[in-house]
Amino acid sequence: MEVSRTQQGGELGDLEPGTRQRAALRARVIDISSLALCVVLALWAVWSIVGLARGATGWAYSAVACTLLAVAVTARTVGIRRRSLRPTR
């Protein structure tokens, strides 16, 4: 048996500029990178807070990590909300 594939059958088209696949790819890459940034900043914040609780004198690192984490989470949330409000083409 031979299965024929058409453009409407779920096969991805070319990732040329201006196509829906290109926009979806860009959105997915942004989602993955912003999530990775938030995870790294969260780990840094937890690590510095634990170090601070153990008596280390790195309170400035803890404050910077928490501030950067708050900014990154806010930017990610705003970006997701703006993307969901855009009309689909």
C-alpha atoms as a PDB file:
ATOM      1  CA  MET A   1       0.000   0.000   0.000  1.00  0.00           C
ATOM      2  CA  GLU A   2       1.171   3.464  -0.788  1.00  0.00           C
ATOM      3  CA  VAL A   3       0.247   6.428   1.371  1.00  0.00           C
ATOM      4  CA  SER A   4       0.193   9.715  -0.449  1.00  0.00           C
ATOM      5  CA  ARG A   5       0.915  12.918   1.416  1.00  0.00           C
ATOM      6  CA  THR A   6      -0.570  16.241   0.490  1.00  0.00           C
ATOM      7  CA  GLN A   7       0.009  19.721   1.843  1.00  0.00           C
ATOM      8  CA  GLN A   8      -3.317  19.510   3.678  1.00  0.00           C
ATOM      9  CA  GLY A   9      -2.526  16.145   5.238  1.00  0.00           C
ATOM     10  CA  GLY A  10      -0.405  17.516   8.081  1.00  0.00           C
ATOM     11  CA  GLU A  11       2.936  17.635   6.312  1.00  0.00           C
ATOM     12  CA  LEU A  12       4.971  20.666   7.224  1.00  0.00           C
ATOM     13  CA  GLY A  13       5.629  23.139   4.492  1.00  0.00           C
ATOM     14  CA  ASP A  14       8.776  25.134   3.949  1.00  0.00           C
ATOM     15  CA  LEU A  15      10.012  27.375   6.715  1.00  0.00           C
ATOM     16  CA  GLU A  16      10.140  30.377   4.449  1.00  0.00           C
ATOM     17  CA  PRO A  17       9.850  33.872   5.929  1.00  0.00           C
ATOM     18  CA  GLY A  18       6.246  34.897   6.481  1.00  0.00           C
ATOM     19  CA  THR A  19       4.763  31.414   6.800  1.00  0.00           C
ATOM     20  CA  ARG A  20       2.782  30.140   9.759  1.00  0.00           C
ATOM     21  CA  GLN A  21       5.379  27.456  10.453  1.00  0.00           C
ATOM     22  CA  ARG A  22       8.101  30.101  10.716  1.00  0.00           C
ATOM     23  CA  ALA A  23       6.019  32.145  13.181  1.00  0.00           C
ATOM     24  CA  ALA A  24       5.230  29.030  15.217  1.00  0.00           C
ATOM     25  CA  LEU A  25       8.910  28.054  15.255  1.00  0.00           C
ATOM     26  CA  ARG A  26       9.947  31.502  16.454  1.00  0.00           C
ATOM     27  CA  ALA A  27       7.309  31.448  19.203  1.00  0.00           C
ATOM     28  CA  ARG A  28       8.410  27.974  20.309  1.00  0.00           C
ATOM     29  CA  VAL A  29      12.088  28.951  20.438  1.00  0.00           C
ATOM     30  CA  ILE A  30      11.223  32.028  22.497  1.00  0.00           C
ATOM     31  CA  ASP A  31       9.141  29.888  24.876  1.00  0.00           C
ATOM     32  CA  ILE A  32      11.934  27.372  25.360  1.00  0.00           C
ATOM     33  CA  SER A  33      14.648  29.982  25.882  1.00  0.00           C
ATOM     34  CA  SER A  34      12.604  32.081  28.302  1.00  0.00           C
ATOM     35  CA  LEU A  35      11.692  28.984  30.305  1.00  0.00           C
ATOM     36  CA  ALA A  36      15.353  27.949  30.439  1.00  0.00           C
ATOM     37  CA  LEU A  37      16.318  31.435  31.623  1.00  0.00           C
ATOM     38  CA  CYS A  38      13.691  31.336  34.366  1.00  0.00           C
ATOM     39  CA  VAL A  39      14.848  27.901  35.522  1.00  0.00           C
ATOM     40  CA  VAL A  40      18.504  28.957  35.659  1.00  0.00           C
ATOM     41  CA  LEU A  41      17.640  32.147  37.552  1.00  0.00           C
ATOM     42  CA  ALA A  42      15.417  30.206  39.969  1.00  0.00           C
ATOM     43  CA  LEU A  43      18.222  27.751  40.689  1.00  0.00           C
ATOM     44  CA  TRP A  44      20.641  30.631  41.220  1.00  0.00           C
ATOM     45  CA  ALA A  45      18.199  32.354  43.581  1.00  0.00           C
ATOM     46  CA  VAL A  46      17.617  29.190  45.612  1.00  0.00           C
ATOM     47  CA  TRP A  47      21.352  28.441  45.736  1.00  0.00           C
ATOM     48  CA  SER A  48      22.187  31.954  46.934  1.00  0.00           C
ATOM     49  CA  ILE A  49      19.374  31.975  49.508  1.00  0.00           C
ATOM     50  CA  VAL A  50      20.545  28.622  50.880  1.00  0.00           C
ATOM     51  CA  GLY A  51      24.078  29.989  51.047  1.00  0.00           C
ATOM     52  CA  LEU A  52      22.798  33.062  52.832  1.00  0.00           C
ATOM     53  CA  ALA A  53      20.916  30.902  55.341  1.00  0.00           C
ATOM     54  CA  ARG A  54      24.115  28.957  56.039  1.00  0.00           C
ATOM     55  CA  GLY A  55      25.892  32.128  57.010  1.00  0.00           C
ATOM     56  CA  ALA A  56      27.603  33.196  53.811  1.00  0.00           C
ATOM     57  CA  THR A  57      27.997  36.895  53.254  1.00  0.00           C
ATOM     58  CA  GLY A  58      26.594  36.878  49.715  1.00  0.00           C
ATOM     59  CA  TRP A  59      23.343  38.717  50.376  1.00  0.00           C
ATOM     60  CA  ALA A  60      23.916  40.928  47.331  1.00  0.00           C
ATOM     61  CA  TYR A  61      23.983  37.861  45.064  1.00  0.00           C
ATOM     62  CA  SER A  62      20.706  36.730  46.580  1.00  0.00           C
ATOM     63  CA  ALA A  63      19.072  40.113  45.982  1.00  0.00           C
ATOM     64  CA  VAL A  64      20.313  40.283  42.386  1.00  0.00           C
ATOM     65  CA  ALA A  65      19.171  36.721  41.651  1.00  0.00           C
ATOM     66  CA  CYS A  66      15.685  37.359  43.031  1.00  0.00           C
ATOM     67  CA  THR A  67      15.374  40.645  41.138  1.00  0.00           C
ATOM     68  CA  LEU A  68      16.469  39.100  37.843  1.00  0.00           C
ATOM     69  CA  LEU A  69      14.117  36.173  38.393  1.00  0.00           C
ATOM     70  CA  ALA A  70      11.194  38.538  38.993  1.00  0.00           C
ATOM     71  CA  VAL A  71      12.017  40.509  35.835  1.00  0.00           C
ATOM     72  CA  ALA A  72      12.349  37.350  33.724  1.00  0.00           C
ATOM     73  CA  VAL A  73       9.094  35.838  34.977  1.00  0.00           C
ATOM     74  CA  THR A  74       7.275  39.127  34.392  1.00  0.00           C
ATOM     75  CA  ALA A  75       8.656  39.440  30.857  1.00  0.00           C
ATOM     76  CA  ARG A  76       7.702  35.836  30.082  1.00  0.00           C
ATOM     77  CA  THR A  77       4.169  36.333  31.400  1.00  0.00           C
ATOM     78  CA  VAL A  78       3.663  39.562  29.477  1.00  0.00           C
ATOM     79  CA  GLY A  79       5.019  37.973  26.303  1.00  0.00           C
ATOM     80  CA  ILE A  80       2.694  34.994  26.571  1.00  0.00           C
ATOM     81  CA  ARG A  81      -0.305  37.244  27.204  1.00  0.00           C
ATOM     82  CA  ARG A  82       0.509  39.504  24.260  1.00  0.00           C
ATOM     83  CA  ARG A  83       0.972  36.538  21.962  1.00  0.00           C
ATOM     84  CA  SER A  84      -2.380  35.077  22.985  1.00  0.00           C
ATOM     85  CA  LEU A  85      -4.129  38.392  22.321  1.00  0.00           C
ATOM     86  CA  ARG A  86      -2.808  38.670  18.744  1.00  0.00           C
ATOM     87  CA  PRO A  87      -5.316  37.774  16.069  1.00  0.00           C
ATOM     88  CA  THR A  88      -4.487  34.645  14.107  1.00  0.00           C
ATOM     89  CA  ARG A  89      -3.744  35.010  10.443  1.00  0.00           C
END
